[in-house]
């Protein structure tokens, strides 16, 4: 898995509405056509993904060991982003939750 989200990158919610998060953790998702989409995760979403990753550790291990398939002419393979998109959220939350726990001790 090549995807990374850095807990040190925090974007302040400048036009905050009632009930919305005060800050977000940014990420980029690159689609099969190469188009990039911005993503913003809340602290709660990261915490939830960390829990999901711990509960589904076999999927995290599979994602960490997965290598993108070689593209062969005329064949269609899953793009690396498809694997990353399904696991990036869980992996990111695991990292952030670990960081929060480490800093809160």
PDB file of N, CA and C in Angstrom:
ATOM      1  N   UNK A   1       0.856  -1.171   0.000  1.00  0.00           N
ATOM      2  CA  UNK A   1       0.000   0.000   0.000  1.00  0.00           C
ATOM      3  C   UNK A   1       0.899   1.230   0.000  1.00  0.00           C
ATOM      4  N   UNK A   2       0.632   2.135  -0.940  1.00  0.00           N
ATOM      5  CA  UNK A   2       1.451   3.332  -1.053  1.00  0.00           C
ATOM      6  C   UNK A   2       0.763   4.568  -0.484  1.00  0.00           C
ATOM      7  N   UNK A   3      -0.469   4.463  -0.118  1.00  0.00           N
ATOM      8  CA  UNK A   3      -1.244   5.622   0.335  1.00  0.00           C
ATOM      9  C   UNK A   3      -0.811   6.078   1.717  1.00  0.00           C
ATOM     10  N   UNK A   4      -0.785   7.395   1.885  1.00  0.00           N
ATOM     11  CA  UNK A   4      -0.409   7.985   3.174  1.00  0.00           C
ATOM     12  C   UNK A   4      -1.277   9.200   3.452  1.00  0.00           C
ATOM     13  N   UNK A   5      -1.666   9.361   4.678  1.00  0.00           N
ATOM     14  CA  UNK A   5      -2.318  10.572   5.164  1.00  0.00           C
ATOM     15  C   UNK A   5      -1.540  10.980   6.400  1.00  0.00           C
ATOM     16  N   UNK A   6      -1.159  12.224   6.468  1.00  0.00           N
ATOM     17  CA  UNK A   6      -0.306  12.688   7.550  1.00  0.00           C
ATOM     18  C   UNK A   6      -1.130  13.399   8.614  1.00  0.00           C
ATOM     19  N   UNK A   7      -1.052  12.897   9.838  1.00  0.00           N
ATOM     20  CA  UNK A   7      -1.806  13.489  10.943  1.00  0.00           C
ATOM     21  C   UNK A   7      -1.312  14.889  11.272  1.00  0.00           C
ATOM     22  N   UNK A   8      -0.129  15.226  10.830  1.00  0.00           N
ATOM     23  CA  UNK A   8       0.403  16.568  11.094  1.00  0.00           C
ATOM     24  C   UNK A   8      -0.196  17.622  10.175  1.00  0.00           C
ATOM     25  N   UNK A   9      -0.871  17.187   9.103  1.00  0.00           N
ATOM     26  CA  UNK A   9      -1.518  18.123   8.189  1.00  0.00           C
ATOM     27  C   UNK A   9      -2.961  18.328   8.641  1.00  0.00           C
ATOM     28  N   UNK A  10      -3.242  19.500   9.145  1.00  0.00           N
ATOM     29  CA  UNK A  10      -4.582  19.806   9.631  1.00  0.00           C
ATOM     30  C   UNK A  10      -5.063  21.076   8.934  1.00  0.00           C
ATOM     31  N   UNK A  11      -6.297  21.039   8.449  1.00  0.00           N
ATOM     32  CA  UNK A  11      -6.898  22.189   7.790  1.00  0.00           C
ATOM     33  C   UNK A  11      -8.002  22.732   8.698  1.00  0.00           C
ATOM     34  N   UNK A  12      -7.888  23.998   9.045  1.00  0.00           N
ATOM     35  CA  UNK A  12      -8.891  24.636   9.895  1.00  0.00           C
ATOM     36  C   UNK A  12     -10.176  24.874   9.100  1.00  0.00           C
ATOM     37  N   UNK A  13     -11.307  24.621   9.722  1.00  0.00           N
ATOM     38  CA  UNK A  13     -12.614  24.887   9.118  1.00  0.00           C
ATOM     39  C   UNK A  13     -12.927  26.362   9.341  1.00  0.00           C
ATOM     40  N   UNK A  14     -12.688  27.181   8.354  1.00  0.00           N
ATOM     41  CA  UNK A  14     -12.801  28.634   8.507  1.00  0.00           C
ATOM     42  C   UNK A  14     -14.233  29.149   8.534  1.00  0.00           C
ATOM     43  N   UNK A  15     -15.125  28.485   7.845  1.00  0.00           N
ATOM     44  CA  UNK A  15     -16.528  28.911   7.839  1.00  0.00           C
ATOM     45  C   UNK A  15     -17.375  27.853   8.534  1.00  0.00           C
ATOM     46  N   UNK A  16     -17.038  27.613   9.755  1.00  0.00           N
ATOM     47  CA  UNK A  16     -17.657  26.544  10.544  1.00  0.00           C
ATOM     48  C   UNK A  16     -19.125  26.838  10.811  1.00  0.00           C
ATOM     49  N   UNK A  17     -19.926  25.813  10.623  1.00  0.00           N
ATOM     50  CA  UNK A  17     -21.351  25.881  10.948  1.00  0.00           C
ATOM     51  C   UNK A  17     -21.594  25.062  12.201  1.00  0.00           C
ATOM     52  N   UNK A  18     -22.728  25.292  12.814  1.00  0.00           N
ATOM     53  CA  UNK A  18     -23.089  24.588  14.045  1.00  0.00           C
ATOM     54  C   UNK A  18     -22.984  23.077  13.823  1.00  0.00           C
ATOM     55  N   UNK A  19     -22.273  22.420  14.710  1.00  0.00           N
ATOM     56  CA  UNK A  19     -22.146  20.963  14.670  1.00  0.00           C
ATOM     57  C   UNK A  19     -21.050  20.441  13.759  1.00  0.00           C
ATOM     58  N   UNK A  20     -20.407  21.308  13.010  1.00  0.00           N
ATOM     59  CA  UNK A  20     -19.351  20.836  12.115  1.00  0.00           C
ATOM     60  C   UNK A  20     -18.014  20.796  12.855  1.00  0.00           C
ATOM     61  N   UNK A  21     -17.085  20.093  12.274  1.00  0.00           N
ATOM     62  CA  UNK A  21     -15.766  19.940  12.886  1.00  0.00           C
ATOM     63  C   UNK A  21     -14.986  21.251  12.826  1.00  0.00           C
ATOM     64  N   UNK A  22     -14.115  21.446  13.790  1.00  0.00           N
ATOM     65  CA  UNK A  22     -13.287  22.652  13.814  1.00  0.00           C
ATOM     66  C   UNK A  22     -12.090  22.533  12.872  1.00  0.00           C
ATOM     67  N   UNK A  23     -11.707  21.284  12.548  1.00  0.00           N
ATOM     68  CA  UNK A  23     -10.561  21.057  11.667  1.00  0.00           C
ATOM     69  C   UNK A  23     -10.739  19.723  10.944  1.00  0.00           C
ATOM     70  N   UNK A  24     -10.008  19.594   9.844  1.00  0.00           N
ATOM     71  CA  UNK A  24     -10.054  18.376   9.040  1.00  0.00           C
ATOM     72  C   UNK A  24      -8.644  17.918   8.718  1.00  0.00           C
ATOM     73  N   UNK A  25      -8.531  16.638   8.382  1.00  0.00           N
ATOM     74  CA  UNK A  25      -7.289  16.051   7.925  1.00  0.00           C
ATOM     75  C   UNK A  25      -7.433  15.824   6.422  1.00  0.00           C
ATOM     76  N   UNK A  26      -6.618  16.512   5.605  1.00  0.00           N
ATOM     77  CA  UNK A  26      -6.780  16.432   4.154  1.00  0.00           C
ATOM     78  C   UNK A  26      -6.115  15.193   3.543  1.00  0.00           C
ATOM     79  N   UNK A  27      -6.647  14.792   2.398  1.00  0.00           N
ATOM     80  CA  UNK A  27      -6.068  13.703   1.617  1.00  0.00           C
ATOM     81  C   UNK A  27      -6.466  13.927   0.161  1.00  0.00           C
ATOM     82  N   UNK A  28      -5.835  13.215  -0.725  1.00  0.00           N
ATOM     83  CA  UNK A  28      -6.174  13.271  -2.145  1.00  0.00           C
ATOM     84  C   UNK A  28      -6.436  11.856  -2.629  1.00  0.00           C
ATOM     85  N   UNK A  29      -7.477  11.712  -3.420  1.00  0.00           N
ATOM     86  CA  UNK A  29      -7.817  10.426  -4.029  1.00  0.00           C
ATOM     87  C   UNK A  29      -7.617  10.582  -5.526  1.00  0.00           C
ATOM     88  N   UNK A  30      -6.797   9.721  -6.104  1.00  0.00           N
ATOM     89  CA  UNK A  30      -6.526   9.790  -7.529  1.00  0.00           C
ATOM     90  C   UNK A  30      -7.306   8.669  -8.205  1.00  0.00           C
ATOM     91  N   UNK A  31      -8.217   9.052  -9.090  1.00  0.00           N
ATOM     92  CA  UNK A  31      -9.095   8.106  -9.770  1.00  0.00           C
ATOM     93  C   UNK A  31      -8.396   7.368 -10.900  1.00  0.00           C
ATOM     94  N   UNK A  32      -9.097   6.409 -11.504  1.00  0.00           N
ATOM     95  CA  UNK A  32      -8.494   5.598 -12.574  1.00  0.00           C
ATOM     96  C   UNK A  32      -8.101   6.433 -13.792  1.00  0.00           C
ATOM     97  N   UNK A  33      -8.744   7.573 -13.972  1.00  0.00           N
ATOM     98  CA  UNK A  33      -8.414   8.445 -15.102  1.00  0.00           C
ATOM     99  C   UNK A  33      -7.332   9.456 -14.750  1.00  0.00           C
ATOM    100  N   UNK A  34      -6.809   9.377 -13.530  1.00  0.00           N
ATOM    101  CA  UNK A  34      -5.762  10.283 -13.095  1.00  0.00           C
ATOM    102  C   UNK A  34      -6.280  11.551 -12.449  1.00  0.00           C
ATOM    103  N   UNK A  35      -7.603  11.735 -12.438  1.00  0.00           N
ATOM    104  CA  UNK A  35      -8.185  12.931 -11.826  1.00  0.00           C
ATOM    105  C   UNK A  35      -8.024  12.858 -10.313  1.00  0.00           C
ATOM    106  N   UNK A  36      -7.672  13.976  -9.721  1.00  0.00           N
ATOM    107  CA  UNK A  36      -7.449  14.039  -8.283  1.00  0.00           C
ATOM    108  C   UNK A  36      -8.634  14.698  -7.596  1.00  0.00           C
ATOM    109  N   UNK A  37      -9.097  14.100  -6.521  1.00  0.00           N
ATOM    110  CA  UNK A  37     -10.200  14.644  -5.729  1.00  0.00           C
ATOM    111  C   UNK A  37      -9.713  14.896  -4.315  1.00  0.00           C
ATOM    112  N   UNK A  38     -10.077  16.041  -3.783  1.00  0.00           N
ATOM    113  CA  UNK A  38      -9.706  16.372  -2.409  1.00  0.00           C
ATOM    114  C   UNK A  38     -10.667  15.691  -1.440  1.00  0.00           C
ATOM    115  N   UNK A  39     -10.127  15.198  -0.335  1.00  0.00           N
ATOM    116  CA  UNK A  39     -10.915  14.567   0.724  1.00  0.00           C
ATOM    117  C   UNK A  39     -10.585  15.252   2.038  1.00  0.00           C
ATOM    118  N   UNK A  40     -11.560  15.357   2.917  1.00  0.00           N
ATOM    119  CA  UNK A  40     -11.354  15.903   4.258  1.00  0.00           C
ATOM    120  C   UNK A  40     -11.963  14.938   5.263  1.00  0.00           C
ATOM    121  N   UNK A  41     -11.164  14.508   6.231  1.00  0.00           N
ATOM    122  CA  UNK A  41     -11.624  13.596   7.264  1.00  0.00           C
ATOM    123  C   UNK A  41     -11.651  14.306   8.609  1.00  0.00           C
ATOM    124  N   UNK A  42     -12.670  14.002   9.405  1.00  0.00           N
ATOM    125  CA  UNK A  42     -12.724  14.545  10.757  1.00  0.00           C
ATOM    126  C   UNK A  42     -11.956  13.622  11.691  1.00  0.00           C
ATOM    127  N   UNK A  43     -11.673  14.114  12.877  1.00  0.00           N
ATOM    128  CA  UNK A  43     -10.986  13.296  13.876  1.00  0.00           C
ATOM    129  C   UNK A  43     -11.817  12.060  14.214  1.00  0.00           C
ATOM    130  N   UNK A  44     -13.129  12.221  14.318  1.00  0.00           N
ATOM    131  CA  UNK A  44     -14.000  11.084  14.623  1.00  0.00           C
ATOM    132  C   UNK A  44     -13.964  10.040  13.502  1.00  0.00           C
ATOM    133  N   UNK A  45     -13.928  10.486  12.255  1.00  0.00           N
ATOM    134  CA  UNK A  45     -13.861   9.550  11.137  1.00  0.00           C
ATOM    135  C   UNK A  45     -12.546   8.775  11.162  1.00  0.00           C
ATOM    136  N   UNK A  46     -11.485   9.446  11.529  1.00  0.00           N
ATOM    137  CA  UNK A  46     -10.194   8.768  11.623  1.00  0.00           C
ATOM    138  C   UNK A  46     -10.187   7.753  12.758  1.00  0.00           C
ATOM    139  N   UNK A  47     -10.757   8.131  13.864  1.00  0.00           N
ATOM    140  CA  UNK A  47     -10.835   7.225  15.017  1.00  0.00           C
ATOM    141  C   UNK A  47     -11.655   5.985  14.641  1.00  0.00           C
ATOM    142  N   UNK A  48     -12.778   6.197  13.955  1.00  0.00           N
ATOM    143  CA  UNK A  48     -13.634   5.088  13.541  1.00  0.00           C
ATOM    144  C   UNK A  48     -12.900   4.157  12.563  1.00  0.00           C
ATOM    145  N   UNK A  49     -12.145   4.731  11.642  1.00  0.00           N
ATOM    146  CA  UNK A  49     -11.383   3.921  10.694  1.00  0.00           C
ATOM    147  C   UNK A  49     -10.290   3.125  11.403  1.00  0.00           C
ATOM    148  N   UNK A  50      -9.694   3.713  12.426  1.00  0.00           N
ATOM    149  CA  UNK A  50      -8.687   2.988  13.202  1.00  0.00           C
ATOM    150  C   UNK A  50      -9.294   1.783  13.897  1.00  0.00           C
ATOM    151  N   UNK A  51     -10.471   1.966  14.437  1.00  0.00           N
ATOM    152  CA  UNK A  51     -11.176   0.842  15.072  1.00  0.00           C
ATOM    153  C   UNK A  51     -11.490  -0.225  14.027  1.00  0.00           C
ATOM    154  N   UNK A  52     -11.971   0.211  12.851  1.00  0.00           N
ATOM    155  CA  UNK A  52     -12.289  -0.720  11.773  1.00  0.00           C
ATOM    156  C   UNK A  52     -11.041  -1.492  11.354  1.00  0.00           C
ATOM    157  N   UNK A  53      -9.910  -0.815  11.273  1.00  0.00           N
ATOM    158  CA  UNK A  53      -8.662  -1.479  10.881  1.00  0.00           C
ATOM    159  C   UNK A  53      -8.247  -2.520  11.920  1.00  0.00           C
ATOM    160  N   UNK A  54      -8.400  -2.186  13.193  1.00  0.00           N
ATOM    161  CA  UNK A  54      -8.055  -3.157  14.239  1.00  0.00           C
ATOM    162  C   UNK A  54      -8.984  -4.362  14.200  1.00  0.00           C
ATOM    163  N   UNK A  55     -10.254  -4.142  13.922  1.00  0.00           N
ATOM    164  CA  UNK A  55     -11.213  -5.242  13.876  1.00  0.00           C
ATOM    165  C   UNK A  55     -11.059  -6.095  12.623  1.00  0.00           C
ATOM    166  N   UNK A  56     -10.478  -5.539  11.578  1.00  0.00           N
ATOM    167  CA  UNK A  56     -10.300  -6.245  10.303  1.00  0.00           C
ATOM    168  C   UNK A  56      -8.824  -6.287   9.933  1.00  0.00           C
ATOM    169  N   UNK A  57      -8.001  -6.715  10.876  1.00  0.00           N
ATOM    170  CA  UNK A  57      -6.552  -6.694  10.674  1.00  0.00           C
ATOM    171  C   UNK A  57      -6.119  -7.526   9.468  1.00  0.00           C
ATOM    172  N   UNK A  58      -6.856  -8.575   9.129  1.00  0.00           N
ATOM    173  CA  UNK A  58      -6.480  -9.394   7.977  1.00  0.00           C
ATOM    174  C   UNK A  58      -6.582  -8.597   6.680  1.00  0.00           C
ATOM    175  N   UNK A  59      -7.522  -7.675   6.608  1.00  0.00           N
ATOM    176  CA  UNK A  59      -7.658  -6.845   5.414  1.00  0.00           C
ATOM    177  C   UNK A  59      -6.542  -5.810   5.331  1.00  0.00           C
ATOM    178  N   UNK A  60      -6.142  -5.289   6.480  1.00  0.00           N
ATOM    179  CA  UNK A  60      -5.033  -4.329   6.506  1.00  0.00           C
ATOM    180  C   UNK A  60      -3.753  -5.023   6.069  1.00  0.00           C
ATOM    181  N   UNK A  61      -3.503  -6.230   6.568  1.00  0.00           N
ATOM    182  CA  UNK A  61      -2.309  -6.982   6.184  1.00  0.00           C
ATOM    183  C   UNK A  61      -2.300  -7.255   4.684  1.00  0.00           C
ATOM    184  N   UNK A  62      -3.467  -7.606   4.132  1.00  0.00           N
ATOM    185  CA  UNK A  62      -3.567  -7.877   2.701  1.00  0.00           C
ATOM    186  C   UNK A  62      -3.276  -6.611   1.898  1.00  0.00           C
ATOM    187  N   UNK A  63      -3.790  -5.471   2.361  1.00  0.00           N
ATOM    188  CA  UNK A  63      -3.557  -4.206   1.665  1.00  0.00           C
ATOM    189  C   UNK A  63      -2.096  -3.798   1.743  1.00  0.00           C
ATOM    190  N   UNK A  64      -1.469  -4.043   2.881  1.00  0.00           N
ATOM    191  CA  UNK A  64      -0.063  -3.680   3.040  1.00  0.00           C
ATOM    192  C   UNK A  64       0.849  -4.519   2.149  1.00  0.00           C
ATOM    193  N   UNK A  65       0.455  -5.761   1.895  1.00  0.00           N
ATOM    194  CA  UNK A  65       1.290  -6.645   1.085  1.00  0.00           C
ATOM    195  C   UNK A  65       0.891  -6.639  -0.387  1.00  0.00           C
ATOM    196  N   UNK A  66      -0.215  -5.980  -0.737  1.00  0.00           N
ATOM    197  CA  UNK A  66      -0.700  -5.987  -2.120  1.00  0.00           C
ATOM    198  C   UNK A  66       0.230  -5.182  -3.025  1.00  0.00           C
ATOM    199  N   UNK A  67       0.464  -5.718  -4.189  1.00  0.00           N
ATOM    200  CA  UNK A  67       1.223  -5.007  -5.215  1.00  0.00           C
ATOM    201  C   UNK A  67       0.283  -4.763  -6.383  1.00  0.00           C
ATOM    202  N   UNK A  68       0.360  -3.579  -6.988  1.00  0.00           N
ATOM    203  CA  UNK A  68      -0.507  -3.333  -8.126  1.00  0.00           C
ATOM    204  C   UNK A  68      -0.170  -4.272  -9.279  1.00  0.00           C
ATOM    205  N   UNK A  69      -1.176  -4.762  -9.997  1.00  0.00           N
ATOM    206  CA  UNK A  69      -0.914  -5.682 -11.106  1.00  0.00           C
ATOM    207  C   UNK A  69      -0.234  -4.953 -12.261  1.00  0.00           C
ATOM    208  N   UNK A  70       0.538  -5.700 -13.034  1.00  0.00           N
ATOM    209  CA  UNK A  70       1.172  -5.144 -14.233  1.00  0.00           C
ATOM    210  C   UNK A  70       0.099  -5.000 -15.304  1.00  0.00           C
ATOM    211  N   UNK A  71       0.072  -3.857 -15.934  1.00  0.00           N
ATOM    212  CA  UNK A  71      -0.897  -3.635 -17.010  1.00  0.00           C
ATOM    213  C   UNK A  71      -0.427  -4.336 -18.275  1.00  0.00           C
ATOM    214  N   UNK A  72      -1.266  -5.218 -18.793  1.00  0.00           N
ATOM    215  CA  UNK A  72      -0.961  -5.906 -20.037  1.00  0.00           C
ATOM    216  C   UNK A  72      -1.839  -5.315 -21.136  1.00  0.00           C
ATOM    217  N   UNK A  73      -1.328  -5.215 -22.337  1.00  0.00           N
ATOM    218  CA  UNK A  73      -2.138  -4.657 -23.426  1.00  0.00           C
ATOM    219  C   UNK A  73      -3.419  -5.452 -23.606  1.00  0.00           C
ATOM    220  N   UNK A  74      -4.525  -4.754 -23.715  1.00  0.00           N
ATOM    221  CA  UNK A  74      -5.808  -5.404 -23.939  1.00  0.00           C
ATOM    222  C   UNK A  74      -6.463  -5.968 -22.695  1.00  0.00           C
ATOM    223  N   UNK A  75      -5.780  -5.927 -21.574  1.00  0.00           N
ATOM    224  CA  UNK A  75      -6.352  -6.451 -20.337  1.00  0.00           C
ATOM    225  C   UNK A  75      -6.682  -5.308 -19.408  1.00  0.00           C
ATOM    226  N   UNK A  76      -7.719  -5.498 -18.654  1.00  0.00           N
ATOM    227  CA  UNK A  76      -8.115  -4.471 -17.710  1.00  0.00           C
ATOM    228  C   UNK A  76      -7.926  -4.989 -16.298  1.00  0.00           C
ATOM    229  N   UNK A  77      -7.134  -4.253 -15.525  1.00  0.00           N
ATOM    230  CA  UNK A  77      -6.846  -4.642 -14.149  1.00  0.00           C
ATOM    231  C   UNK A  77      -7.368  -3.574 -13.203  1.00  0.00           C
ATOM    232  N   UNK A  78      -7.553  -3.971 -11.972  1.00  0.00           N
ATOM    233  CA  UNK A  78      -7.918  -2.993 -10.951  1.00  0.00           C
ATOM    234  C   UNK A  78      -6.742  -2.041 -10.766  1.00  0.00           C
ATOM    235  N   UNK A  79      -7.036  -0.776 -10.683  1.00  0.00           N
ATOM    236  CA  UNK A  79      -5.989   0.216 -10.469  1.00  0.00           C
ATOM    237  C   UNK A  79      -5.564   0.217  -9.007  1.00  0.00           C
ATOM    238  N   UNK A  80      -4.329   0.601  -8.743  1.00  0.00           N
ATOM    239  CA  UNK A  80      -3.857   0.636  -7.361  1.00  0.00           C
ATOM    240  C   UNK A  80      -4.714   1.510  -6.462  1.00  0.00           C
ATOM    241  N   UNK A  81      -5.307   2.562  -7.016  1.00  0.00           N
ATOM    242  CA  UNK A  81      -6.127   3.442  -6.183  1.00  0.00           C
ATOM    243  C   UNK A  81      -7.362   2.716  -5.664  1.00  0.00           C
ATOM    244  N   UNK A  82      -7.860   1.726  -6.416  1.00  0.00           N
ATOM    245  CA  UNK A  82      -9.060   1.014  -5.970  1.00  0.00           C
ATOM    246  C   UNK A  82      -8.777   0.261  -4.673  1.00  0.00           C
ATOM    247  N   UNK A  83      -7.615  -0.354  -4.599  1.00  0.00           N
ATOM    248  CA  UNK A  83      -7.226  -1.045  -3.377  1.00  0.00           C
ATOM    249  C   UNK A  83      -6.988  -0.031  -2.271  1.00  0.00           C
ATOM    250  N   UNK A  84      -6.277   1.033  -2.618  1.00  0.00           N
ATOM    251  CA  UNK A  84      -5.956   2.058  -1.625  1.00  0.00           C
ATOM    252  C   UNK A  84      -7.209   2.760  -1.118  1.00  0.00           C
ATOM    253  N   UNK A  85      -8.156   3.035  -2.009  1.00  0.00           N
ATOM    254  CA  UNK A  85      -9.366   3.750  -1.605  1.00  0.00           C
ATOM    255  C   UNK A  85     -10.166   2.958  -0.581  1.00  0.00           C
ATOM    256  N   UNK A  86     -10.153   1.647  -0.710  1.00  0.00           N
ATOM    257  CA  UNK A  86     -10.913   0.835   0.235  1.00  0.00           C
ATOM    258  C   UNK A  86     -10.222   0.685   1.579  1.00  0.00           C
ATOM    259  N   UNK A  87      -8.907   0.902   1.580  1.00  0.00           N
ATOM    260  CA  UNK A  87      -8.169   0.717   2.830  1.00  0.00           C
ATOM    261  C   UNK A  87      -7.535   1.982   3.390  1.00  0.00           C
ATOM    262  N   UNK A  88      -7.462   3.025   2.580  1.00  0.00           N
ATOM    263  CA  UNK A  88      -6.772   4.241   3.023  1.00  0.00           C
ATOM    264  C   UNK A  88      -7.424   4.824   4.268  1.00  0.00           C
ATOM    265  N   UNK A  89      -8.726   4.821   4.282  1.00  0.00           N
ATOM    266  CA  UNK A  89      -9.429   5.395   5.406  1.00  0.00           C
ATOM    267  C   UNK A  89      -9.112   4.627   6.687  1.00  0.00           C
ATOM    268  N   UNK A  90      -9.140   3.304   6.615  1.00  0.00           N
ATOM    269  CA  UNK A  90      -8.846   2.479   7.789  1.00  0.00           C
ATOM    270  C   UNK A  90      -7.392   2.648   8.231  1.00  0.00           C
ATOM    271  N   UNK A  91      -6.483   2.643   7.290  1.00  0.00           N
ATOM    272  CA  UNK A  91      -5.071   2.788   7.639  1.00  0.00           C
ATOM    273  C   UNK A  91      -4.784   4.166   8.229  1.00  0.00           C
ATOM    274  N   UNK A  92      -5.384   5.177   7.637  1.00  0.00           N
ATOM    275  CA  UNK A  92      -5.191   6.541   8.123  1.00  0.00           C
ATOM    276  C   UNK A  92      -5.698   6.674   9.557  1.00  0.00           C
ATOM    277  N   UNK A  93      -6.853   6.155   9.823  1.00  0.00           N
ATOM    278  CA  UNK A  93      -7.398   6.237  11.171  1.00  0.00           C
ATOM    279  C   UNK A  93      -6.534   5.483  12.168  1.00  0.00           C
ATOM    280  N   UNK A  94      -6.011   4.369  11.746  1.00  0.00           N
ATOM    281  CA  UNK A  94      -5.131   3.611  12.631  1.00  0.00           C
ATOM    282  C   UNK A  94      -3.918   4.454  13.017  1.00  0.00           C
ATOM    283  N   UNK A  95      -3.342   5.138  12.069  1.00  0.00           N
ATOM    284  CA  UNK A  95      -2.186   5.989  12.334  1.00  0.00           C
ATOM    285  C   UNK A  95      -2.563   7.132  13.263  1.00  0.00           C
ATOM    286  N   UNK A  96      -3.667   7.784  12.954  1.00  0.00           N
ATOM    287  CA  UNK A  96      -4.070   8.955  13.750  1.00  0.00           C
ATOM    288  C   UNK A  96      -4.475   8.546  15.155  1.00  0.00           C
ATOM    289  N   UNK A  97      -5.228   7.486  15.286  1.00  0.00           N
ATOM    290  CA  UNK A  97      -5.644   7.044  16.618  1.00  0.00           C
ATOM    291  C   UNK A  97      -4.418   6.656  17.431  1.00  0.00           C
ATOM    292  N   UNK A  98      -3.469   5.985  16.813  1.00  0.00           N
ATOM    293  CA  UNK A  98      -2.239   5.625  17.511  1.00  0.00           C
ATOM    294  C   UNK A  98      -1.509   6.875  17.977  1.00  0.00           C
ATOM    295  N   UNK A  99      -1.448   7.884  17.117  1.00  0.00           N
ATOM    296  CA  UNK A  99      -0.788   9.142  17.471  1.00  0.00           C
ATOM    297  C   UNK A  99      -1.510   9.832  18.623  1.00  0.00           C
ATOM    298  N   UNK A 100      -2.836   9.870  18.564  1.00  0.00           N
ATOM    299  CA  UNK A 100      -3.603  10.507  19.636  1.00  0.00           C
ATOM    300  C   UNK A 100      -3.417   9.785  20.967  1.00  0.00           C
ATOM    301  N   UNK A 101      -3.424   8.465  20.914  1.00  0.00           N
ATOM    302  CA  UNK A 101      -3.230   7.697  22.143  1.00  0.00           C
ATOM    303  C   UNK A 101      -1.826   7.938  22.682  1.00  0.00           C
ATOM    304  N   UNK A 102      -0.832   7.949  21.797  1.00  0.00           N
ATOM    305  CA  UNK A 102       0.543   8.159  22.235  1.00  0.00           C
ATOM    306  C   UNK A 102       0.736   9.527  22.861  1.00  0.00           C
ATOM    307  N   UNK A 103       0.117  10.557  22.280  1.00  0.00           N
ATOM    308  CA  UNK A 103       0.278  11.902  22.801  1.00  0.00           C
ATOM    309  C   UNK A 103      -0.571  12.179  24.023  1.00  0.00           C
ATOM    310  N   UNK A 104      -1.612  11.385  24.239  1.00  0.00           N
ATOM    311  CA  UNK A 104      -2.478  11.622  25.395  1.00  0.00           C
ATOM    312  C   UNK A 104      -1.975  10.912  26.655  1.00  0.00           C
ATOM    313  N   UNK A 105      -0.987  10.055  26.497  1.00  0.00           N
ATOM    314  CA  UNK A 105      -0.460   9.332  27.670  1.00  0.00           C
ATOM    315  C   UNK A 105       0.460  10.181  28.475  1.00  0.00           C
TER     316      UNK A 105
END
